[in-house]
Amino acid sequence: VLYSLSDQGIAILMWSYSVMGMPYEDLAEFISYRLLSTTAVNDFSPQAIASALWSMATSGIRNTALVAELTRVAVEPSILERFNAQDVANTIWALARLKLWDIRIVYVLG
């Protein structure tokens, strides 16, 4: 089932675990493996990127590889131009909370 989830489905799943206060380190590792071993992360929308990062920050999950990949996608011009104010705020907050600053994204979003 997890392999068939869309970008929004993955972000909502991560968000749900975070809101319920349930640990999901193993799930985050699986999601990271899936996204890093395929091109699925390239299909993430700005909202899905922001939601995934927010969920990781809320749960204290510091998966540096996944954060790096999500921020790499976020600065792609075709993705970057679709960020709205809420996506920007959630992304910057999550990176600050995780203490995983990526100067490229802070520069282009800030």
PDB file of N, CA and C in Angstrom:
ATOM      1  N   VAL A   1       0.823  -1.193   0.000  1.00  0.00           N
ATOM      2  CA  VAL A   1       0.000   0.000   0.000  1.00  0.00           C
ATOM      3  C   VAL A   1       0.872   1.263   0.000  1.00  0.00           C
ATOM      4  N   LEU A   2       1.942   1.274   0.767  1.00  0.00           N
ATOM      5  CA  LEU A   2       2.778   2.476   0.853  1.00  0.00           C
ATOM      6  C   LEU A   2       3.416   2.843  -0.479  1.00  0.00           C
ATOM      7  N   TYR A   3       3.701   1.841  -1.300  1.00  0.00           N
ATOM      8  CA  TYR A   3       4.299   2.129  -2.600  1.00  0.00           C
ATOM      9  C   TYR A   3       3.333   2.837  -3.537  1.00  0.00           C
ATOM     10  N   SER A   4       2.033   2.713  -3.287  1.00  0.00           N
ATOM     11  CA  SER A   4       1.056   3.307  -4.184  1.00  0.00           C
ATOM     12  C   SER A   4       0.607   4.699  -3.738  1.00  0.00           C
ATOM     13  N   LEU A   5       1.095   5.182  -2.599  1.00  0.00           N
ATOM     14  CA  LEU A   5       0.683   6.494  -2.114  1.00  0.00           C
ATOM     15  C   LEU A   5       1.263   7.609  -2.974  1.00  0.00           C
ATOM     16  N   SER A   6       0.462   8.632  -3.190  1.00  0.00           N
ATOM     17  CA  SER A   6       0.914   9.828  -3.897  1.00  0.00           C
ATOM     18  C   SER A   6       1.749  10.686  -2.953  1.00  0.00           C
ATOM     19  N   ASP A   7       2.291  11.761  -3.473  1.00  0.00           N
ATOM     20  CA  ASP A   7       3.037  12.692  -2.625  1.00  0.00           C
ATOM     21  C   ASP A   7       2.162  13.205  -1.490  1.00  0.00           C
ATOM     22  N   GLN A   8       0.933  13.547  -1.813  1.00  0.00           N
ATOM     23  CA  GLN A   8       0.033  14.052  -0.784  1.00  0.00           C
ATOM     24  C   GLN A   8      -0.322  12.957   0.211  1.00  0.00           C
ATOM     25  N   GLY A   9      -0.473  11.733  -0.276  1.00  0.00           N
ATOM     26  CA  GLY A   9      -0.768  10.608   0.612  1.00  0.00           C
ATOM     27  C   GLY A   9       0.351  10.372   1.609  1.00  0.00           C
ATOM     28  N   ILE A  10       1.591  10.446   1.154  1.00  0.00           N
ATOM     29  CA  ILE A  10       2.745  10.281   2.041  1.00  0.00           C
ATOM     30  C   ILE A  10       2.777  11.405   3.068  1.00  0.00           C
ATOM     31  N   ALA A  11       2.590  12.639   2.612  1.00  0.00           N
ATOM     32  CA  ALA A  11       2.616  13.789   3.527  1.00  0.00           C
ATOM     33  C   ALA A  11       1.493  13.701   4.553  1.00  0.00           C
ATOM     34  N   ILE A  12       0.306  13.281   4.133  1.00  0.00           N
ATOM     35  CA  ILE A  12      -0.821  13.156   5.066  1.00  0.00           C
ATOM     36  C   ILE A  12      -0.560  12.048   6.076  1.00  0.00           C
ATOM     37  N   LEU A  13       0.028  10.953   5.640  1.00  0.00           N
ATOM     38  CA  LEU A  13       0.363   9.865   6.551  1.00  0.00           C
ATOM     39  C   LEU A  13       1.351  10.348   7.608  1.00  0.00           C
ATOM     40  N   MET A  14       2.389  11.052   7.179  1.00  0.00           N
ATOM     41  CA  MET A  14       3.368  11.592   8.119  1.00  0.00           C
ATOM     42  C   MET A  14       2.708  12.599   9.057  1.00  0.00           C
ATOM     43  N   TRP A  15       1.866  13.459   8.513  1.00  0.00           N
ATOM     44  CA  TRP A  15       1.166  14.465   9.311  1.00  0.00           C
ATOM     45  C   TRP A  15       0.284  13.796  10.369  1.00  0.00           C
ATOM     46  N   SER A  16      -0.420  12.747   9.966  1.00  0.00           N
ATOM     47  CA  SER A  16      -1.323  12.044  10.887  1.00  0.00           C
ATOM     48  C   SER A  16      -0.570  11.480  12.082  1.00  0.00           C
ATOM     49  N   TYR A  17       0.554  10.831  11.816  1.00  0.00           N
ATOM     50  CA  TYR A  17       1.354  10.295  12.916  1.00  0.00           C
ATOM     51  C   TYR A  17       1.824  11.416  13.836  1.00  0.00           C
ATOM     52  N   SER A  18       2.237  12.540  13.256  1.00  0.00           N
ATOM     53  CA  SER A  18       2.726  13.662  14.053  1.00  0.00           C
ATOM     54  C   SER A  18       1.630  14.248  14.930  1.00  0.00           C
ATOM     55  N   VAL A  19       0.460  14.461  14.358  1.00  0.00           N
ATOM     56  CA  VAL A  19      -0.643  15.066  15.101  1.00  0.00           C
ATOM     57  C   VAL A  19      -1.096  14.155  16.248  1.00  0.00           C
ATOM     58  N   MET A  20      -1.061  12.850  16.002  1.00  0.00           N
ATOM     59  CA  MET A  20      -1.470  11.899  17.043  1.00  0.00           C
ATOM     60  C   MET A  20      -0.365  11.668  18.068  1.00  0.00           C
ATOM     61  N   GLY A  21       0.821  12.212  17.807  1.00  0.00           N
ATOM     62  CA  GLY A  21       1.928  12.044  18.732  1.00  0.00           C
ATOM     63  C   GLY A  21       2.510  10.640  18.730  1.00  0.00           C
ATOM     64  N   MET A  22       2.281   9.932  17.646  1.00  0.00           N
ATOM     65  CA  MET A  22       2.778   8.557  17.540  1.00  0.00           C
ATOM     66  C   MET A  22       4.165   8.561  16.913  1.00  0.00           C
ATOM     67  N   PRO A  23       5.097   7.824  17.493  1.00  0.00           N
ATOM     68  CA  PRO A  23       6.428   7.745  16.883  1.00  0.00           C
ATOM     69  C   PRO A  23       6.346   7.011  15.544  1.00  0.00           C
ATOM     70  N   TYR A  24       7.127   7.491  14.599  1.00  0.00           N
ATOM     71  CA  TYR A  24       7.106   6.821  13.302  1.00  0.00           C
ATOM     72  C   TYR A  24       8.482   6.810  12.646  1.00  0.00           C
ATOM     73  N   GLU A  25       9.508   6.615  13.456  1.00  0.00           N
ATOM     74  CA  GLU A  25      10.864   6.578  12.926  1.00  0.00           C
ATOM     75  C   GLU A  25      11.032   5.495  11.864  1.00  0.00           C
ATOM     76  N   ASP A  26      10.491   4.291  12.128  1.00  0.00           N
ATOM     77  CA  ASP A  26      10.619   3.206  11.156  1.00  0.00           C
ATOM     78  C   ASP A  26       9.896   3.539   9.857  1.00  0.00           C
ATOM     79  N   LEU A  27       8.711   4.116   9.980  1.00  0.00           N
ATOM     80  CA  LEU A  27       7.961   4.521   8.797  1.00  0.00           C
ATOM     81  C   LEU A  27       8.728   5.605   8.041  1.00  0.00           C
ATOM     82  N   ALA A  28       9.304   6.545   8.765  1.00  0.00           N
ATOM     83  CA  ALA A  28      10.079   7.614   8.128  1.00  0.00           C
ATOM     84  C   ALA A  28      11.287   7.037   7.393  1.00  0.00           C
ATOM     85  N   GLU A  29      11.917   6.031   7.970  1.00  0.00           N
ATOM     86  CA  GLU A  29      13.043   5.381   7.293  1.00  0.00           C
ATOM     87  C   GLU A  29      12.584   4.711   6.003  1.00  0.00           C
ATOM     88  N   PHE A  30      11.424   4.044   6.053  1.00  0.00           N
ATOM     89  CA  PHE A  30      10.894   3.398   4.855  1.00  0.00           C
ATOM     90  C   PHE A  30      10.550   4.439   3.793  1.00  0.00           C
ATOM     91  N   ILE A  31       9.886   5.513   4.211  1.00  0.00           N
ATOM     92  CA  ILE A  31       9.528   6.577   3.274  1.00  0.00           C
ATOM     93  C   ILE A  31      10.797   7.166   2.656  1.00  0.00           C
ATOM     94  N   SER A  32      11.797   7.396   3.479  1.00  0.00           N
ATOM     95  CA  SER A  32      13.061   7.925   2.983  1.00  0.00           C
ATOM     96  C   SER A  32      13.674   6.971   1.970  1.00  0.00           C
ATOM     97  N   TYR A  33      13.712   5.703   2.290  1.00  0.00           N
ATOM     98  CA  TYR A  33      14.263   4.705   1.365  1.00  0.00           C
ATOM     99  C   TYR A  33      13.504   4.721   0.044  1.00  0.00           C
ATOM    100  N   ARG A  34      12.172   4.737   0.145  1.00  0.00           N
ATOM    101  CA  ARG A  34      11.344   4.724  -1.067  1.00  0.00           C
ATOM    102  C   ARG A  34      11.602   5.961  -1.921  1.00  0.00           C
ATOM    103  N   LEU A  35      11.625   7.119  -1.289  1.00  0.00           N
ATOM    104  CA  LEU A  35      11.787   8.357  -2.041  1.00  0.00           C
ATOM    105  C   LEU A  35      13.195   8.522  -2.594  1.00  0.00           C
ATOM    106  N   LEU A  36      14.181   8.045  -1.865  1.00  0.00           N
ATOM    107  CA  LEU A  36      15.558   8.209  -2.316  1.00  0.00           C
ATOM    108  C   LEU A  36      15.975   7.150  -3.331  1.00  0.00           C
ATOM    109  N   SER A  37      15.250   6.046  -3.378  1.00  0.00           N
ATOM    110  CA  SER A  37      15.614   4.982  -4.317  1.00  0.00           C
ATOM    111  C   SER A  37      14.790   5.029  -5.603  1.00  0.00           C
ATOM    112  N   THR A  38      13.886   5.985  -5.692  1.00  0.00           N
ATOM    113  CA  THR A  38      13.086   6.170  -6.900  1.00  0.00           C
ATOM    114  C   THR A  38      13.088   7.651  -7.245  1.00  0.00           C
ATOM    115  N   THR A  39      12.331   8.014  -8.241  1.00  0.00           N
ATOM    116  CA  THR A  39      12.199   9.441  -8.575  1.00  0.00           C
ATOM    117  C   THR A  39      10.917  10.025  -8.003  1.00  0.00           C
ATOM    118  N   ALA A  40      10.271   9.311  -7.083  1.00  0.00           N
ATOM    119  CA  ALA A  40       8.982   9.751  -6.541  1.00  0.00           C
ATOM    120  C   ALA A  40       9.053  11.128  -5.890  1.00  0.00           C
ATOM    121  N   VAL A  41      10.163  11.448  -5.242  1.00  0.00           N
ATOM    122  CA  VAL A  41      10.264  12.732  -4.559  1.00  0.00           C
ATOM    123  C   VAL A  41      10.178  13.893  -5.548  1.00  0.00           C
ATOM    124  N   ASN A  42      10.547  13.660  -6.792  1.00  0.00           N
ATOM    125  CA  ASN A  42      10.466  14.716  -7.800  1.00  0.00           C
ATOM    126  C   ASN A  42       9.031  15.122  -8.111  1.00  0.00           C
ATOM    127  N   ASP A  43       8.075  14.293  -7.741  1.00  0.00           N
ATOM    128  CA  ASP A  43       6.663  14.586  -7.975  1.00  0.00           C
ATOM    129  C   ASP A  43       6.003  15.308  -6.807  1.00  0.00           C
ATOM    130  N   PHE A  44       6.752  15.605  -5.746  1.00  0.00           N
ATOM    131  CA  PHE A  44       6.176  16.256  -4.584  1.00  0.00           C
ATOM    132  C   PHE A  44       5.766  17.691  -4.913  1.00  0.00           C
ATOM    133  N   SER A  45       4.590  18.061  -4.472  1.00  0.00           N
ATOM    134  CA  SER A  45       4.111  19.435  -4.612  1.00  0.00           C
ATOM    135  C   SER A  45       4.706  20.271  -3.475  1.00  0.00           C
ATOM    136  N   PRO A  46       4.659  21.593  -3.600  1.00  0.00           N
ATOM    137  CA  PRO A  46       5.127  22.429  -2.496  1.00  0.00           C
ATOM    138  C   PRO A  46       4.404  22.115  -1.182  1.00  0.00           C
ATOM    139  N   GLN A  47       3.103  21.891  -1.244  1.00  0.00           N
ATOM    140  CA  GLN A  47       2.355  21.580  -0.025  1.00  0.00           C
ATOM    141  C   GLN A  47       2.824  20.263   0.581  1.00  0.00           C
ATOM    142  N   ALA A  48       3.077  19.258  -0.246  1.00  0.00           N
ATOM    143  CA  ALA A  48       3.552  17.971   0.268  1.00  0.00           C
ATOM    144  C   ALA A  48       4.948  18.108   0.872  1.00  0.00           C
ATOM    145  N   ILE A  49       5.811  18.891   0.247  1.00  0.00           N
ATOM    146  CA  ILE A  49       7.153  19.130   0.796  1.00  0.00           C
ATOM    147  C   ILE A  49       7.038  19.798   2.158  1.00  0.00           C
ATOM    148  N   ALA A  50       6.261  20.871   2.220  1.00  0.00           N
ATOM    149  CA  ALA A  50       6.099  21.598   3.478  1.00  0.00           C
ATOM    150  C   ALA A  50       5.473  20.723   4.555  1.00  0.00           C
ATOM    151  N   SER A  51       4.470  19.948   4.201  1.00  0.00           N
ATOM    152  CA  SER A  51       3.793  19.085   5.175  1.00  0.00           C
ATOM    153  C   SER A  51       4.712  17.985   5.683  1.00  0.00           C
ATOM    154  N   ALA A  52       5.485  17.399   4.783  1.00  0.00           N
ATOM    155  CA  ALA A  52       6.415  16.345   5.199  1.00  0.00           C
ATOM    156  C   ALA A  52       7.475  16.905   6.147  1.00  0.00           C
ATOM    157  N   LEU A  53       8.040  18.053   5.808  1.00  0.00           N
ATOM    158  CA  LEU A  53       9.041  18.670   6.673  1.00  0.00           C
ATOM    159  C   LEU A  53       8.434  19.084   8.006  1.00  0.00           C
ATOM    160  N   TRP A  54       7.232  19.658   7.985  1.00  0.00           N
ATOM    161  CA  TRP A  54       6.547  20.047   9.221  1.00  0.00           C
ATOM    162  C   TRP A  54       6.331  18.829  10.109  1.00  0.00           C
ATOM    163  N   SER A  55       5.900  17.734   9.512  1.00  0.00           N
ATOM    164  CA  SER A  55       5.635  16.512  10.279  1.00  0.00           C
ATOM    165  C   SER A  55       6.909  15.969  10.916  1.00  0.00           C
ATOM    166  N   MET A  56       7.990  15.987  10.150  1.00  0.00           N
ATOM    167  CA  MET A  56       9.259  15.517  10.695  1.00  0.00           C
ATOM    168  C   MET A  56       9.708  16.403  11.852  1.00  0.00           C
ATOM    169  N   ALA A  57       9.574  17.712  11.693  1.00  0.00           N
ATOM    170  CA  ALA A  57       9.988  18.631  12.751  1.00  0.00           C
ATOM    171  C   ALA A  57       9.122  18.473  13.991  1.00  0.00           C
ATOM    172  N   THR A  58       7.829  18.334  13.799  1.00  0.00           N
ATOM    173  CA  THR A  58       6.911  18.182  14.926  1.00  0.00           C
ATOM    174  C   THR A  58       7.214  16.919  15.722  1.00  0.00           C
ATOM    175  N   SER A  59       7.615  15.868  15.009  1.00  0.00           N
ATOM    176  CA  SER A  59       7.912  14.585  15.657  1.00  0.00           C
ATOM    177  C   SER A  59       9.379  14.443  16.053  1.00  0.00           C
ATOM    178  N   GLY A  60      10.193  15.424  15.697  1.00  0.00           N
ATOM    179  CA  GLY A  60      11.607  15.366  16.039  1.00  0.00           C
ATOM    180  C   GLY A  60      12.386  14.344  15.234  1.00  0.00           C
ATOM    181  N   ILE A  61      11.932  14.051  14.026  1.00  0.00           N
ATOM    182  CA  ILE A  61      12.614  13.079  13.162  1.00  0.00           C
ATOM    183  C   ILE A  61      13.608  13.822  12.284  1.00  0.00           C
ATOM    184  N   ARG A  62      14.898  13.598  12.554  1.00  0.00           N
ATOM    185  CA  ARG A  62      15.967  14.296  11.831  1.00  0.00           C
ATOM    186  C   ARG A  62      16.587  13.373  10.795  1.00  0.00           C
ATOM    187  N   ASN A  63      15.847  13.068   9.775  1.00  0.00           N
ATOM    188  CA  ASN A  63      16.355  12.237   8.690  1.00  0.00           C
ATOM    189  C   ASN A  63      17.025  13.182   7.689  1.00  0.00           C
ATOM    190  N   THR A  64      18.331  13.347   7.853  1.00  0.00           N
ATOM    191  CA  THR A  64      19.037  14.355   7.057  1.00  0.00           C
ATOM    192  C   THR A  64      18.988  14.072   5.564  1.00  0.00           C
ATOM    193  N   ALA A  65      19.012  12.806   5.185  1.00  0.00           N
ATOM    194  CA  ALA A  65      18.956  12.477   3.754  1.00  0.00           C
ATOM    195  C   ALA A  65      17.620  12.877   3.148  1.00  0.00           C
ATOM    196  N   LEU A  66      16.536  12.610   3.862  1.00  0.00           N
ATOM    197  CA  LEU A  66      15.216  12.963   3.354  1.00  0.00           C
ATOM    198  C   LEU A  66      15.022  14.475   3.324  1.00  0.00           C
ATOM    199  N   VAL A  67      15.472  15.165   4.361  1.00  0.00           N
ATOM    200  CA  VAL A  67      15.385  16.628   4.378  1.00  0.00           C
ATOM    201  C   VAL A  67      16.172  17.214   3.207  1.00  0.00           C
ATOM    202  N   ALA A  68      17.364  16.713   2.980  1.00  0.00           N
ATOM    203  CA  ALA A  68      18.182  17.211   1.872  1.00  0.00           C
ATOM    204  C   ALA A  68      17.486  16.995   0.534  1.00  0.00           C
ATOM    205  N   GLU A  69      16.879  15.838   0.362  1.00  0.00           N
ATOM    206  CA  GLU A  69      16.213  15.548  -0.909  1.00  0.00           C
ATOM    207  C   GLU A  69      14.969  16.413  -1.087  1.00  0.00           C
ATOM    208  N   LEU A  70      14.198  16.597  -0.024  1.00  0.00           N
ATOM    209  CA  LEU A  70      13.009  17.451  -0.116  1.00  0.00           C
ATOM    210  C   LEU A  70      13.392  18.898  -0.413  1.00  0.00           C
ATOM    211  N   THR A  71      14.453  19.390   0.216  1.00  0.00           N
ATOM    212  CA  THR A  71      14.868  20.769  -0.057  1.00  0.00           C
ATOM    213  C   THR A  71      15.468  20.903  -1.453  1.00  0.00           C
ATOM    214  N   ARG A  72      16.126  19.853  -1.931  1.00  0.00           N
ATOM    215  CA  ARG A  72      16.649  19.883  -3.308  1.00  0.00           C
ATOM    216  C   ARG A  72      15.512  20.050  -4.301  1.00  0.00           C
ATOM    217  N   VAL A  73      14.441  19.312  -4.085  1.00  0.00           N
ATOM    218  CA  VAL A  73      13.283  19.403  -4.977  1.00  0.00           C
ATOM    219  C   VAL A  73      12.611  20.765  -4.832  1.00  0.00           C
ATOM    220  N   ALA A  74      12.543  21.261  -3.607  1.00  0.00           N
ATOM    221  CA  ALA A  74      11.858  22.536  -3.349  1.00  0.00           C
ATOM    222  C   ALA A  74      12.472  23.702  -4.116  1.00  0.00           C
ATOM    223  N   VAL A  75      13.775  23.679  -4.335  1.00  0.00           N
ATOM    224  CA  VAL A  75      14.409  24.811  -5.018  1.00  0.00           C
ATOM    225  C   VAL A  75      14.396  24.672  -6.537  1.00  0.00           C
ATOM    226  N   GLU A  76      13.837  23.591  -7.044  1.00  0.00           N
ATOM    227  CA  GLU A  76      13.664  23.468  -8.493  1.00  0.00           C
ATOM    228  C   GLU A  76      12.712  24.578  -8.957  1.00  0.00           C
ATOM    229  N   PRO A  77      13.043  25.315  -9.992  1.00  0.00           N
ATOM    230  CA  PRO A  77      12.204  26.446 -10.410  1.00  0.00           C
ATOM    231  C   PRO A  77      10.734  26.093 -10.628  1.00  0.00           C
ATOM    232  N   SER A  78      10.458  24.945 -11.206  1.00  0.00           N
ATOM    233  CA  SER A  78       9.057  24.581 -11.467  1.00  0.00           C
ATOM    234  C   SER A  78       8.280  24.303 -10.186  1.00  0.00           C
ATOM    235  N   ILE A  79       8.969  23.944  -9.121  1.00  0.00           N
ATOM    236  CA  ILE A  79       8.329  23.714  -7.816  1.00  0.00           C
ATOM    237  C   ILE A  79       8.302  25.024  -7.028  1.00  0.00           C
ATOM    238  N   LEU A  80       9.429  25.694  -7.013  1.00  0.00           N
ATOM    239  CA  LEU A  80       9.591  26.918  -6.237  1.00  0.00           C
ATOM    240  C   LEU A  80       8.531  27.968  -6.564  1.00  0.00           C
ATOM    241  N   GLU A  81       8.216  28.108  -7.831  1.00  0.00           N
ATOM    242  CA  GLU A  81       7.246  29.135  -8.242  1.00  0.00           C
ATOM    243  C   GLU A  81       5.827  28.839  -7.745  1.00  0.00           C
ATOM    244  N   ARG A  82       5.581  27.624  -7.300  1.00  0.00           N
ATOM    245  CA  ARG A  82       4.240  27.251  -6.829  1.00  0.00           C
ATOM    246  C   ARG A  82       4.093  27.305  -5.308  1.00  0.00           C
ATOM    247  N   PHE A  83       5.165  27.635  -4.583  1.00  0.00           N
ATOM    248  CA  PHE A  83       5.077  27.764  -3.123  1.00  0.00           C
ATOM    249  C   PHE A  83       4.177  28.946  -2.774  1.00  0.00           C
ATOM    250  N   ASN A  84       3.262  28.748  -1.832  1.00  0.00           N
ATOM    251  CA  ASN A  84       2.477  29.871  -1.321  1.00  0.00           C
ATOM    252  C   ASN A  84       3.036  30.261   0.047  1.00  0.00           C
ATOM    253  N   ALA A  85       2.458  31.288   0.650  1.00  0.00           N
ATOM    254  CA  ALA A  85       2.985  31.808   1.917  1.00  0.00           C
ATOM    255  C   ALA A  85       2.977  30.745   3.017  1.00  0.00           C
ATOM    256  N   GLN A  86       1.925  29.944   3.086  1.00  0.00           N
ATOM    257  CA  GLN A  86       1.845  28.904   4.116  1.00  0.00           C
ATOM    258  C   GLN A  86       2.923  27.844   3.908  1.00  0.00           C
ATOM    259  N   ASP A  87       3.156  27.443   2.657  1.00  0.00           N
ATOM    260  CA  ASP A  87       4.204  26.465   2.359  1.00  0.00           C
ATOM    261  C   ASP A  87       5.574  27.000   2.773  1.00  0.00           C
ATOM    262  N   VAL A  88       5.822  28.273   2.478  1.00  0.00           N
ATOM    263  CA  VAL A  88       7.097  28.900   2.841  1.00  0.00           C
ATOM    264  C   VAL A  88       7.260  28.913   4.357  1.00  0.00           C
ATOM    265  N   ALA A  89       6.229  29.373   5.067  1.00  0.00           N
ATOM    266  CA  ALA A  89       6.305  29.463   6.528  1.00  0.00           C
ATOM    267  C   ALA A  89       6.534  28.089   7.154  1.00  0.00           C
ATOM    268  N   ASN A  90       5.786  27.086   6.712  1.00  0.00           N
ATOM    269  CA  ASN A  90       5.940  25.742   7.280  1.00  0.00           C
ATOM    270  C   ASN A  90       7.315  25.152   6.987  1.00  0.00           C
ATOM    271  N   THR A  91       7.818  25.398   5.789  1.00  0.00           N
ATOM    272  CA  THR A  91       9.124  24.861   5.410  1.00  0.00           C
ATOM    273  C   THR A  91      10.239  25.501   6.226  1.00  0.00           C
ATOM    274  N   ILE A  92      10.242  26.818   6.311  1.00  0.00           N
ATOM    275  CA  ILE A  92      11.281  27.525   7.069  1.00  0.00           C
ATOM    276  C   ILE A  92      11.205  27.157   8.548  1.00  0.00           C
ATOM    277  N   TRP A  93       9.992  27.088   9.110  1.00  0.00           N
ATOM    278  CA  TRP A  93       9.831  26.707  10.513  1.00  0.00           C
ATOM    279  C   TRP A  93      10.388  25.309  10.751  1.00  0.00           C
ATOM    280  N   ALA A  94      10.055  24.367   9.864  1.00  0.00           N
ATOM    281  CA  ALA A  94      10.498  22.978  10.034  1.00  0.00           C
ATOM    282  C   ALA A  94      12.019  22.883   9.991  1.00  0.00           C
ATOM    283  N   LEU A  95      12.641  23.572   9.042  1.00  0.00           N
ATOM    284  CA  LEU A  95      14.096  23.532   8.940  1.00  0.00           C
ATOM    285  C   LEU A  95      14.747  24.137  10.182  1.00  0.00           C
ATOM    286  N   ALA A  96      14.158  25.207  10.697  1.00  0.00           N
ATOM    287  CA  ALA A  96      14.689  25.826  11.922  1.00  0.00           C
ATOM    288  C   ALA A  96      14.518  24.884  13.112  1.00  0.00           C
ATOM    289  N   ARG A  97      13.368  24.279  13.224  1.00  0.00           N
ATOM    290  CA  ARG A  97      13.090  23.361  14.339  1.00  0.00           C
ATOM    291  C   ARG A  97      14.015  22.143  14.302  1.00  0.00           C
ATOM    292  N   LEU A  98      14.275  21.644  13.108  1.00  0.00           N
ATOM    293  CA  LEU A  98      15.161  20.485  12.953  1.00  0.00           C
ATOM    294  C   LEU A  98      16.638  20.863  13.028  1.00  0.00           C
ATOM    295  N   LYS A  99      16.911  22.177  12.973  1.00  0.00           N
ATOM    296  CA  LYS A  99      18.289  22.676  12.917  1.00  0.00           C
ATOM    297  C   LYS A  99      19.034  22.053  11.741  1.00  0.00           C
ATOM    298  N   LEU A 100      18.324  21.971  10.629  1.00  0.00           N
ATOM    299  CA  LEU A 100      18.890  21.438   9.387  1.00  0.00           C
ATOM    300  C   LEU A 100      18.730  22.482   8.289  1.00  0.00           C
ATOM    301  N   TRP A 101      19.401  23.601   8.476  1.00  0.00           N
ATOM    302  CA  TRP A 101      19.307  24.684   7.511  1.00  0.00           C
ATOM    303  C   TRP A 101      19.942  24.296   6.191  1.00  0.00           C
ATOM    304  N   ASP A 102      19.256  24.628   5.143  1.00  0.00           N
ATOM    305  CA  ASP A 102      19.825  24.529   3.799  1.00  0.00           C
ATOM    306  C   ASP A 102      19.801  25.953   3.274  1.00  0.00           C
ATOM    307  N   ILE A 103      20.959  26.547   3.165  1.00  0.00           N
ATOM    308  CA  ILE A 103      21.052  27.965   2.811  1.00  0.00           C
ATOM    309  C   ILE A 103      20.371  28.274   1.487  1.00  0.00           C
ATOM    310  N   ARG A 104      20.368  27.303   0.553  1.00  0.00           N
ATOM    311  CA  ARG A 104      19.713  27.544  -0.744  1.00  0.00           C
ATOM    312  C   ARG A 104      18.229  27.805  -0.553  1.00  0.00           C
ATOM    313  N   ILE A 105      17.576  26.980   0.238  1.00  0.00           N
ATOM    314  CA  ILE A 105      16.133  27.144   0.388  1.00  0.00           C
ATOM    315  C   ILE A 105      15.796  28.368   1.232  1.00  0.00           C
ATOM    316  N   VAL A 106      16.590  28.636   2.236  1.00  0.00           N
ATOM    317  CA  VAL A 106      16.354  29.832   3.048  1.00  0.00           C
ATOM    318  C   VAL A 106      16.509  31.072   2.177  1.00  0.00           C
ATOM    319  N   TYR A 107      17.515  31.082   1.317  1.00  0.00           N
ATOM    320  CA  TYR A 107      17.756  32.213   0.442  1.00  0.00           C
ATOM    321  C   TYR A 107      16.618  32.401  -0.563  1.00  0.00           C
ATOM    322  N   VAL A 108      16.194  31.335  -1.214  1.00  0.00           N
ATOM    323  CA  VAL A 108      15.181  31.488  -2.259  1.00  0.00           C
ATOM    324  C   VAL A 108      13.778  31.643  -1.690  1.00  0.00           C
ATOM    325  N   LEU A 109      13.505  31.084  -0.524  1.00  0.00           N
ATOM    326  CA  LEU A 109      12.170  31.247   0.062  1.00  0.00           C
ATOM    327  C   LEU A 109      12.082  32.487   0.940  1.00  0.00           C
ATOM    328  N   GLY A 110      13.184  32.831   1.581  1.00  0.00           N
ATOM    329  CA  GLY A 110      13.184  33.942   2.524  1.00  0.00           C
ATOM    330  C   GLY A 110      13.259  35.225   1.829  1.00  0.00           C
TER     331      GLY A 110
END
